[in-house]
Amino acid sequence: MALDPVVDDGRHGDAAVEEWVFTTWAVDLSIGAVSGHRVTGRTAWYWAAVVRPGQPLLHVAEWEVPVRAEPGLVKAHGLWAEHVCDAPMEQWTISNETFAAGLDDPGDAIGRAYGVPTAVAFDLEWYAAAPPVARIDGFEQAGVVHGVIELPGAARHLTETPARRWHRWGDELAPLELPNAYAHTDLRAVFAFPDGFVANWALTPDGFRQFAAHDS
């Protein structure tokens, strides 16, 4: 389908479900990050993660967030986040400030995700690096990220790091399926969504991919 930047990168008020997902990763796999947001009627889901070698998965998940007049703004107890379109199909701002659960075993995110409370903040600018590619439920687009991820005792500055985003909408949405990870370092972002789907994403040189237990 042909994409209209203003229409298709805006809010689709007639859609029962609408979702935005952003990922970025260092080419040396020293860090990877996810930020996602889904509007489902009067409530929204928000999820985020930071993965780093030798460090716990920093996991954020809020599944009952009241939808505000500006749907890109997410506020819940102890959480503030934004996905803001600065220029359709060209630039987005991805921000948050919250406490993540530090999980030594990423698989713990499938349960109650109890972990060490860890302060985290994203202050990132996403820029398009290629035209969007249409999907049956929306589109995806390659980009780069500039900005900083604030972590306890350190700030990780990102410059021209590879990135990807997905914008999807419709009467209902299937899980966001990623290509399989054929080689990875077991850096994983795991989310158990309210609809029963579990995202188990492994960081690879090509970004986040679907983890398979038999991969090595």
Protein backbone atom coordinates (compact mmCIF):
# COMPACT_ATOMS: atom_id res chain seq x y z
CA MET A 1 0.00 0.00 0.00
CA ALA A 2 1.11 3.59 -0.56
CA LEU A 3 1.99 5.43 2.64
CA ASP A 4 1.04 9.01 3.40
CA PRO A 5 3.54 10.44 5.92
CA VAL A 6 1.12 12.79 7.66
CA VAL A 7 -1.83 10.39 7.76
CA ASP A 8 -0.04 7.11 8.39
CA ASP A 9 2.44 8.38 10.97
CA GLY A 10 -0.34 10.10 12.91
CA ARG A 11 -2.87 8.73 15.35
CA HIS A 12 -5.54 6.51 13.78
CA GLY A 13 -8.61 7.42 15.81
CA ASP A 14 -10.79 4.84 14.08
CA ALA A 15 -8.44 1.97 14.97
CA ALA A 16 -9.39 -0.20 17.93
CA VAL A 17 -5.72 -0.91 18.60
CA GLU A 18 -2.61 1.10 17.72
CA GLU A 19 1.00 0.34 18.53
CA TRP A 20 4.42 2.00 18.33
CA VAL A 21 7.65 0.06 18.95
CA PHE A 22 11.20 1.44 18.81
CA THR A 23 14.50 -0.45 19.12
CA THR A 24 18.14 0.60 18.99
CA TRP A 25 21.43 -1.21 19.53
CA ALA A 26 25.18 -0.61 19.48
CA VAL A 27 26.99 -2.34 16.63
CA ASP A 28 29.38 -3.91 19.17
CA LEU A 29 26.34 -5.25 21.08
CA SER A 30 27.39 -3.36 24.21
CA ILE A 31 23.82 -2.12 24.69
CA GLY A 32 20.36 -2.53 23.23
CA ALA A 33 17.09 -0.84 24.10
CA VAL A 34 13.37 -1.28 23.44
CA SER A 35 10.48 1.13 23.97
CA GLY A 36 6.92 0.17 23.07
CA HIS A 37 3.42 1.55 23.56
CA ARG A 38 0.01 0.16 22.57
CA VAL A 39 -3.33 1.96 22.88
CA THR A 40 -6.23 -0.42 23.47
CA GLY A 41 -9.36 1.66 23.98
CA ARG A 42 -9.32 3.51 27.30
CA THR A 43 -6.12 1.92 28.52
CA ALA A 44 -2.62 1.48 27.14
CA TRP A 45 0.33 -0.83 27.50
CA TYR A 46 3.88 0.45 27.92
CA TRP A 47 7.03 -1.65 27.90
CA ALA A 48 10.76 -0.95 27.74
CA ALA A 49 14.05 -2.72 28.28
CA VAL A 50 17.80 -2.23 28.34
CA VAL A 51 20.19 -5.14 27.75
CA ARG A 52 23.97 -5.09 28.33
CA PRO A 53 26.64 -7.81 28.52
CA GLY A 54 27.18 -9.08 32.05
CA GLN A 55 24.38 -6.94 33.48
CA PRO A 56 20.79 -7.71 34.51
CA LEU A 57 18.00 -7.12 32.03
CA LEU A 58 16.37 -3.80 32.92
CA HIS A 59 12.68 -4.51 32.42
CA VAL A 60 9.72 -2.10 32.46
CA ALA A 61 6.10 -3.17 31.96
CA GLU A 62 2.86 -1.32 32.70
CA TRP A 63 -0.30 -2.90 31.31
CA GLU A 64 -3.08 -0.67 32.73
CA VAL A 65 -2.14 2.91 31.85
CA PRO A 66 -4.99 5.42 31.38
CA VAL A 67 -4.98 6.85 27.86
CA ARG A 68 -4.50 10.62 27.78
CA ALA A 69 -5.63 13.19 25.24
CA GLU A 70 -2.14 12.97 23.76
CA PRO A 71 -1.76 9.20 23.29
CA GLY A 72 2.03 9.38 23.02
CA LEU A 73 2.23 10.49 26.67
CA VAL A 74 2.32 7.69 29.24
CA LYS A 75 1.97 8.35 32.95
CA ALA A 76 1.56 5.78 35.70
CA HIS A 77 2.80 5.43 39.27
CA GLY A 78 6.56 5.92 39.08
CA LEU A 79 6.54 6.12 35.28
CA TRP A 80 6.69 8.92 32.76
CA ALA A 81 7.28 8.20 29.08
CA GLU A 82 6.70 9.80 25.69
CA HIS A 83 6.79 8.84 22.03
CA VAL A 84 6.52 12.12 20.11
CA CYS A 85 6.40 12.50 16.32
CA ASP A 86 8.54 15.54 15.49
CA ALA A 87 8.39 15.08 11.71
CA PRO A 88 6.27 12.32 10.11
CA MET A 89 8.35 9.43 8.77
CA GLU A 90 11.51 11.39 9.66
CA GLN A 91 12.01 12.05 13.37
CA TRP A 92 10.64 10.85 16.70
CA THR A 93 11.55 11.60 20.32
CA ILE A 94 11.64 8.62 22.68
CA SER A 95 11.80 9.47 26.37
CA ASN A 96 11.12 7.87 29.70
CA GLU A 97 11.98 8.15 33.38
CA THR A 98 11.15 5.28 35.70
CA PHE A 99 12.45 2.40 37.78
CA ALA A 100 13.09 -0.84 35.94
CA ALA A 101 13.25 -4.29 37.49
CA GLY A 102 16.79 -5.62 37.24
CA LEU A 103 16.46 -9.31 36.30
CA ASP A 104 19.49 -11.61 36.34
CA ASP A 105 17.47 -14.18 34.41
CA PRO A 106 15.52 -12.61 31.51
CA GLY A 107 13.05 -15.48 31.74
CA ASP A 108 11.84 -14.07 35.06
CA ALA A 109 10.03 -11.39 33.04
CA ILE A 110 7.48 -14.04 32.06
CA GLY A 111 6.32 -14.26 35.68
CA ARG A 112 5.99 -11.43 38.18
CA ALA A 113 9.27 -9.83 37.07
CA TYR A 114 10.45 -9.12 40.59
CA GLY A 115 13.94 -7.64 40.50
CA VAL A 116 16.18 -4.95 41.92
CA PRO A 117 14.57 -1.52 41.36
CA THR A 118 16.93 0.34 39.03
CA ALA A 119 16.56 3.93 37.85
CA VAL A 120 16.56 4.35 34.08
CA ALA A 121 15.86 7.26 31.74
CA PHE A 122 15.80 7.48 27.94
CA ASP A 123 16.41 10.78 26.15
CA LEU A 124 16.64 9.69 22.53
CA GLU A 125 16.04 11.12 19.07
CA TRP A 126 15.12 8.66 16.31
CA TYR A 127 15.92 9.70 12.71
CA ALA A 128 14.89 7.88 9.54
CA ALA A 129 17.68 6.22 7.58
CA ALA A 130 15.45 4.70 4.88
CA PRO A 131 11.89 5.04 3.58
CA PRO A 132 9.18 3.17 5.50
CA VAL A 133 8.25 -0.32 4.34
CA ALA A 134 4.53 -1.09 4.26
CA ARG A 135 3.12 -4.06 6.19
CA ILE A 136 -0.39 -5.44 6.15
CA ASP A 137 -0.96 -3.84 9.57
CA GLY A 138 1.08 -0.63 9.14
CA PHE A 139 4.76 -0.14 8.40
CA GLU A 140 8.30 -0.47 9.69
CA GLN A 141 11.29 1.77 9.14
CA ALA A 142 15.06 1.67 9.63
CA GLY A 143 16.73 4.58 11.35
CA VAL A 144 19.46 5.78 13.67
CA VAL A 145 19.35 7.08 17.22
CA HIS A 146 21.19 9.90 18.95
CA GLY A 147 20.88 10.61 22.66
CA VAL A 148 21.55 9.17 26.08
CA ILE A 149 20.32 6.36 28.30
CA GLU A 150 20.83 7.30 31.95
CA LEU A 151 21.69 4.40 34.24
CA PRO A 152 22.89 4.28 37.86
CA GLY A 153 26.41 5.64 38.03
CA ALA A 154 26.70 6.01 34.28
CA ALA A 155 25.23 7.58 31.18
CA ARG A 156 25.41 5.71 27.89
CA HIS A 157 25.64 8.17 25.01
CA LEU A 158 24.42 6.90 21.65
CA THR A 159 25.57 8.43 18.37
CA GLU A 160 24.24 7.19 15.03
CA THR A 161 23.35 3.82 16.54
CA PRO A 162 21.26 1.56 14.30
CA ALA A 163 17.54 1.60 15.05
CA ARG A 164 14.22 0.32 13.81
CA ARG A 165 10.60 1.18 14.49
CA TRP A 166 7.17 -0.27 13.82
CA HIS A 167 3.84 1.59 13.70
CA ARG A 168 0.80 -0.71 13.49
CA TRP A 169 -2.96 -0.28 13.83
CA GLY A 170 -6.25 -2.05 13.16
CA ASP A 171 -9.31 -3.71 14.66
CA GLU A 172 -6.88 -6.11 16.31
CA LEU A 173 -3.15 -6.72 16.11
CA ALA A 174 -1.28 -9.99 15.94
CA PRO A 175 1.98 -10.20 17.93
CA LEU A 176 4.90 -8.33 16.41
CA GLU A 177 6.87 -11.15 14.83
CA LEU A 178 10.59 -10.61 14.28
CA PRO A 179 12.97 -12.72 12.17
CA ASN A 180 14.60 -15.59 14.04
CA ALA A 181 17.93 -15.05 15.77
CA TYR A 182 20.40 -17.44 14.21
CA ALA A 183 23.37 -16.15 16.23
CA HIS A 184 23.32 -14.05 19.38
CA THR A 185 25.04 -13.50 22.73
CA ASP A 186 21.98 -14.37 24.87
CA LEU A 187 21.24 -10.71 25.58
CA ARG A 188 17.46 -10.86 25.69
CA ALA A 189 14.49 -8.56 26.24
CA VAL A 190 11.48 -10.56 27.39
CA PHE A 191 7.90 -9.34 27.82
CA ALA A 192 4.74 -11.23 28.80
CA PHE A 193 1.85 -9.26 27.29
CA PRO A 194 -1.71 -9.23 28.69
CA ASP A 195 -3.04 -11.02 25.60
CA GLY A 196 -0.91 -14.06 26.45
CA PHE A 197 1.85 -13.45 23.88
CA VAL A 198 5.44 -13.64 25.11
CA ALA A 199 8.07 -11.62 23.25
CA ASN A 200 11.51 -13.17 23.72
CA TRP A 201 13.87 -11.00 21.71
CA ALA A 202 17.60 -11.63 21.44
CA LEU A 203 20.06 -8.90 20.50
CA THR A 204 22.05 -9.62 17.33
CA PRO A 205 24.28 -7.50 15.07
CA ASP A 206 21.14 -6.86 13.00
CA GLY A 207 19.08 -5.75 15.98
CA PHE A 208 16.53 -7.62 18.07
CA ARG A 209 15.38 -10.95 16.70
CA GLN A 210 13.09 -13.72 17.92
CA PHE A 211 14.97 -15.99 20.33
CA ALA A 212 14.83 -19.75 19.89
CA ALA A 213 16.04 -22.01 22.69
CA HIS A 214 17.99 -24.26 20.33
CA ASP A 215 20.03 -21.35 18.92
CA SER A 216 23.64 -21.11 19.96
